[in-house]
Protein backbone atom coordinates (compact mmCIF):
# COMPACT_ATOMS: atom_id res chain seq x y z
CA UNK A 1 13.65 4.12 -29.90
CA UNK A 2 13.15 0.44 -29.07
CA UNK A 3 9.89 -0.85 -27.57
CA UNK A 4 11.12 -1.30 -23.99
CA UNK A 5 12.52 2.23 -23.83
CA UNK A 6 9.32 3.61 -25.36
CA UNK A 7 7.18 1.89 -22.70
CA UNK A 8 9.40 3.20 -19.91
CA UNK A 9 9.10 6.73 -21.34
CA UNK A 10 5.32 6.51 -21.47
CA UNK A 11 5.15 5.23 -17.91
CA UNK A 12 7.26 8.18 -16.79
CA UNK A 13 4.72 10.49 -18.37
CA UNK A 14 1.83 8.80 -16.58
CA UNK A 15 0.02 7.83 -19.77
CA UNK A 16 -1.99 4.71 -20.54
CA UNK A 17 0.12 1.85 -21.83
CA UNK A 18 -1.33 -1.36 -23.23
CA UNK A 19 0.49 -4.62 -22.66
CA UNK A 20 2.80 -3.64 -19.81
CA UNK A 21 4.22 -6.72 -18.16
CA UNK A 22 3.50 -6.79 -14.43
CA UNK A 23 4.54 -9.12 -11.60
CA UNK A 24 2.35 -12.03 -10.64
CA UNK A 25 -0.07 -10.93 -7.91
CA UNK A 26 0.53 -12.28 -4.43
CA UNK A 27 -2.92 -13.92 -4.36
CA UNK A 28 -4.25 -12.87 -0.93
CA UNK A 29 -6.21 -16.08 -0.33
CA UNK A 30 -3.16 -18.23 -0.99
CA UNK A 31 -1.00 -16.06 1.25
CA UNK A 32 -3.49 -16.24 4.08
CA UNK A 33 -3.54 -20.02 3.81
CA UNK A 34 0.20 -20.03 4.64
CA UNK A 35 0.86 -17.44 7.35
CA UNK A 36 4.19 -15.66 6.90
CA UNK A 37 5.54 -16.42 10.36
CA UNK A 38 7.90 -18.90 11.93
CA UNK A 39 5.73 -21.84 13.08
CA UNK A 40 7.87 -22.00 16.26
CA UNK A 41 6.84 -18.45 17.12
CA UNK A 42 3.13 -18.35 16.31
CA UNK A 43 1.88 -17.17 19.70
CA UNK A 44 4.21 -14.16 19.82
CA UNK A 45 3.67 -13.50 16.12
CA UNK A 46 -0.06 -13.49 16.65
CA UNK A 47 0.24 -10.97 19.48
CA UNK A 48 2.41 -8.69 17.31
CA UNK A 49 -0.04 -8.92 14.41
CA UNK A 50 -3.03 -8.21 16.66
CA UNK A 51 -1.28 -5.06 17.91
CA UNK A 52 -0.85 -3.93 14.31
CA UNK A 53 -4.50 -4.75 13.52
CA UNK A 54 -5.64 -2.54 16.40
CA UNK A 55 -3.54 0.32 14.97
CA UNK A 56 -4.94 -0.21 11.48
CA UNK A 57 -8.58 -0.34 12.56
CA UNK A 58 -8.26 2.85 14.63
CA UNK A 59 -6.33 4.73 11.94
CA UNK A 60 -8.76 3.78 9.16
CA UNK A 61 -11.66 4.98 11.30
CA UNK A 62 -9.86 8.28 11.91
CA UNK A 63 -9.39 8.67 8.16
CA UNK A 64 -13.05 8.04 7.36
CA UNK A 65 -12.22 4.71 5.68
CA UNK A 66 -13.33 2.35 8.42
CA UNK A 67 -13.13 -1.41 7.98
CA UNK A 68 -16.49 -2.79 6.89
CA UNK A 69 -18.71 -3.92 9.80
CA UNK A 70 -18.68 -7.56 8.69
CA UNK A 71 -14.88 -7.57 8.51
CA UNK A 72 -14.59 -5.87 11.90
CA UNK A 73 -16.77 -8.60 13.42
CA UNK A 74 -14.64 -11.29 11.75
CA UNK A 75 -11.45 -9.67 13.07
CA UNK A 76 -12.85 -9.63 16.58
CA UNK A 77 -13.87 -13.28 16.22
CA UNK A 78 -10.27 -14.33 15.51
CA UNK A 79 -9.66 -14.01 19.28
CA UNK A 80 -11.34 -17.40 19.65
CA UNK A 81 -9.24 -19.14 16.99
CA UNK A 82 -5.99 -21.10 17.37
CA UNK A 83 -2.85 -19.05 16.71
CA UNK A 84 -2.07 -20.21 13.18
CA UNK A 85 -5.69 -20.00 12.06
CA UNK A 86 -6.07 -16.53 13.57
CA UNK A 87 -2.95 -15.28 11.76
CA UNK A 88 -4.22 -16.66 8.46
CA UNK A 89 -7.73 -15.27 8.89
CA UNK A 90 -6.48 -11.80 9.80
CA UNK A 91 -4.40 -11.74 6.61
CA UNK A 92 -7.31 -12.98 4.54
CA UNK A 93 -9.48 -10.10 5.77
CA UNK A 94 -6.92 -7.28 5.57
CA UNK A 95 -5.45 -8.37 2.24
CA UNK A 96 -8.71 -7.39 0.54
CA UNK A 97 -7.91 -3.78 1.45
CA UNK A 98 -4.31 -4.00 0.19
CA UNK A 99 -2.87 -2.44 -2.94
CA UNK A 100 0.33 -4.48 -2.86
CA UNK A 101 2.78 -6.40 -0.71
CA UNK A 102 6.36 -5.35 -0.01
CA UNK A 103 8.50 -8.42 0.64
CA UNK A 104 11.83 -7.80 2.40
CA UNK A 105 14.01 -10.89 2.48
CA UNK A 106 16.53 -11.81 5.19
CA UNK A 107 19.19 -9.68 3.44
CA UNK A 108 16.83 -6.68 3.26
CA UNK A 109 16.34 -6.99 -0.49
CA UNK A 110 12.97 -5.71 -1.66
CA UNK A 111 10.37 -7.25 -3.94
CA UNK A 112 6.90 -5.84 -4.68
CA UNK A 113 3.90 -8.00 -5.51
CA UNK A 114 0.62 -6.30 -6.50
CA UNK A 115 -2.57 -7.55 -4.92
CA UNK A 116 -4.11 -7.76 -8.40
CA UNK A 117 -3.07 -7.33 -12.02
CA UNK A 118 -6.56 -6.08 -12.88
CA UNK A 119 -6.58 -2.25 -13.09
CA UNK A 120 -10.37 -2.31 -12.58
CA UNK A 121 -9.63 -3.09 -8.93
CA UNK A 122 -7.74 0.21 -8.66
CA UNK A 123 -10.49 2.80 -8.91
CA UNK A 124 -9.87 6.38 -7.82
CA UNK A 125 -12.04 9.49 -7.86
CA UNK A 126 -10.49 12.75 -8.98
CA UNK A 127 -9.66 15.06 -6.02
CA UNK A 128 -10.64 12.38 -3.45
CA UNK A 129 -8.17 10.57 -1.21
CA UNK A 130 -8.24 6.79 -1.57
CA UNK A 131 -6.92 4.71 1.31
CA UNK A 132 -5.16 1.37 0.78
CA UNK A 133 -3.26 -1.03 2.98
CA UNK A 134 0.32 -2.00 2.19
CA UNK A 135 1.27 -5.45 3.43
CA UNK A 136 4.89 -5.86 4.53
CA UNK A 137 6.57 -9.25 4.97
CA UNK A 138 9.73 -8.27 6.83
CA UNK A 139 11.92 -11.37 7.00
CA UNK A 140 14.95 -9.24 7.88
CA UNK A 141 13.11 -7.81 10.94
CA UNK A 142 14.57 -4.40 10.12
CA UNK A 143 13.34 -1.29 11.94
CA UNK A 144 14.19 1.46 9.44
CA UNK A 145 11.63 3.95 8.10
CA UNK A 146 9.61 2.66 5.14
CA UNK A 147 9.17 5.31 2.44
CA UNK A 148 7.41 5.60 -0.92
CA UNK A 149 7.87 7.92 -3.87
CA UNK A 150 6.66 8.20 -7.46
CA UNK A 151 7.87 10.18 -10.50
CA UNK A 152 4.19 10.90 -11.16
CA UNK A 153 3.61 12.40 -7.70
CA UNK A 154 3.80 16.04 -6.70
CA UNK A 155 5.63 16.85 -3.47
CA UNK A 156 3.30 16.89 -0.48
CA UNK A 157 3.88 17.55 3.20
CA UNK A 158 1.81 14.91 5.04
CA UNK A 159 1.72 17.12 8.14
CA UNK A 160 -0.26 19.74 6.23
CA UNK A 161 -3.07 17.34 5.30
CA UNK A 162 -5.84 17.54 7.92
CA UNK A 163 -6.67 14.16 9.45
CA UNK A 164 -9.95 12.89 8.05
CA UNK A 165 -9.90 15.31 5.09
CA UNK A 166 -11.29 13.27 2.18
CA UNK A 167 -10.44 15.70 -0.63
CA UNK A 168 -7.37 17.23 -2.23
CA UNK A 169 -7.24 20.33 -4.43
CA UNK A 170 -7.35 19.12 -8.04
CA UNK A 171 -7.16 22.74 -9.22
CA UNK A 172 -3.56 23.16 -8.10
CA UNK A 173 -1.09 23.79 -10.88
CA UNK A 174 0.58 20.63 -12.11
CA UNK A 175 2.25 19.23 -15.17
CA UNK A 176 0.18 16.60 -16.98
CA UNK A 177 2.86 14.00 -16.28
CA UNK A 178 2.52 14.54 -12.52
CA UNK A 179 -1.07 13.78 -11.66
CA UNK A 180 -0.77 12.15 -8.25
CA UNK A 181 -0.49 12.96 -4.55
CA UNK A 182 0.56 10.15 -2.21
CA UNK A 183 1.58 9.64 1.38
CA UNK A 184 2.25 6.85 3.82
CA UNK A 185 0.07 7.65 6.80
CA UNK A 186 2.35 7.83 9.85
CA UNK A 187 0.30 9.82 12.33
CA UNK A 188 -0.87 8.24 15.58
CA UNK A 189 -1.79 5.45 16.10
CA UNK A 190 0.35 4.24 13.19
CA UNK A 191 4.09 3.68 13.53
CA UNK A 192 6.58 5.91 11.72
CA UNK A 193 8.93 3.06 10.75
CA UNK A 194 9.07 -0.67 10.32
CA UNK A 195 8.55 -2.17 13.76
CA UNK A 196 10.62 -5.31 13.27
CA UNK A 197 7.49 -7.46 13.11
CA UNK A 198 7.74 -10.23 10.53
CA UNK A 199 4.32 -9.22 9.21
CA UNK A 200 2.57 -5.86 9.42
CA UNK A 201 0.39 -3.47 7.47
CA UNK A 202 0.89 0.19 6.61
CA UNK A 203 -1.58 2.74 5.24
CA UNK A 204 -1.04 4.42 1.85
CA UNK A 205 -3.23 7.25 0.59
CA UNK A 206 -3.50 8.32 -3.06
CA UNK A 207 -5.26 11.30 -4.62
CA UNK A 208 -5.53 11.94 -8.36
CA UNK A 209 -5.58 15.47 -9.74
CA UNK A 210 -6.87 14.26 -13.11
CA UNK A 211 -9.57 11.94 -14.45
CA UNK A 212 -9.19 9.08 -16.90
CA UNK A 213 -6.72 6.20 -17.01
CA UNK A 214 -3.30 6.96 -15.57
CA UNK A 215 -0.17 4.93 -14.90
CA UNK A 216 2.21 5.44 -12.01
CA UNK A 217 5.47 3.96 -10.84
CA UNK A 218 5.53 3.37 -7.08
CA UNK A 219 8.93 2.99 -5.43
CA UNK A 220 9.23 1.62 -1.89
CA UNK A 221 12.55 1.94 -0.08
CA UNK A 222 14.27 2.21 3.28
CA UNK A 223 14.47 5.78 4.56
CA UNK A 224 17.04 7.31 6.85
CA UNK A 225 19.75 7.39 4.17
CA UNK A 226 20.00 3.62 4.02
CA UNK A 227 19.02 3.13 0.38
CA UNK A 228 21.46 0.92 -1.49
CA UNK A 229 21.29 -1.54 -4.34
CA UNK A 230 18.45 -3.99 -3.72
CA UNK A 231 17.06 -2.15 -0.70
CA UNK A 232 14.21 -0.77 -2.74
CA UNK A 233 11.80 -1.97 -5.40
CA UNK A 234 9.30 -0.48 -7.80
CA UNK A 235 6.16 -1.47 -9.61
CA UNK A 236 4.10 0.11 -12.39
CA UNK A 237 0.36 0.31 -11.84
CA UNK A 238 -2.55 1.47 -13.95
CA UNK A 239 -5.43 3.30 -12.25
CA UNK A 240 -8.90 4.24 -13.46
CA UNK A 241 -9.98 7.64 -12.16
CA UNK A 242 -13.57 8.85 -12.25
CA UNK A 243 -14.18 12.54 -12.80
CA UNK A 244 -14.81 14.55 -9.63
CA UNK A 245 -18.53 14.91 -8.91
CA UNK A 246 -20.04 18.29 -9.79
CA UNK A 247 -20.45 20.65 -6.85
């Protein structure tokens, strides 16, 4: 078995792999310095982004993962900034909560850029839900459902997870290669599909059933039966998971 096939096999099993090549991170500070909007449309783009921010702030509070007070104050203060500066500042703040960015070009081809290549920034706690933001740069302005899956994830019905429940049952039977629960949070006030905004944020929740270092492949794609070549992308990520606290 050659090296590349061996690495892919280990990733499928969710084991720790040293030396996996990963995409260059999208560098949140650099992104925020160049807002991803048409400069001829900044006022409308700002309004659309502010609507999304209001959704995000409310949803995170409902999930028990509220935006830090300092960041909430900074977000509120963007109301006094010029349009382009406000758009950049909002991204700078929210990008710090992001796991990755999904870039959809004008032909609806996907590309995923992690927020960081450092796995130490991806800390989970066994049996505890961790909430991340997913940044979406939607150049195609498509309005299809955005979905995520992982070979390392067990099936989960998001509707059966109580809102605000911070824990998942790590005792449930699972194969060692499937150690993860994940869901895109689509309950109110969040949207259930891409809105057509050029820039918006979604909420992704992860819960590990095991402790230790684990790797997962995350695949983002268009739902509604519209998946075709290029209309999806994947990335491999390493997570460090602390053992669940003793009860």
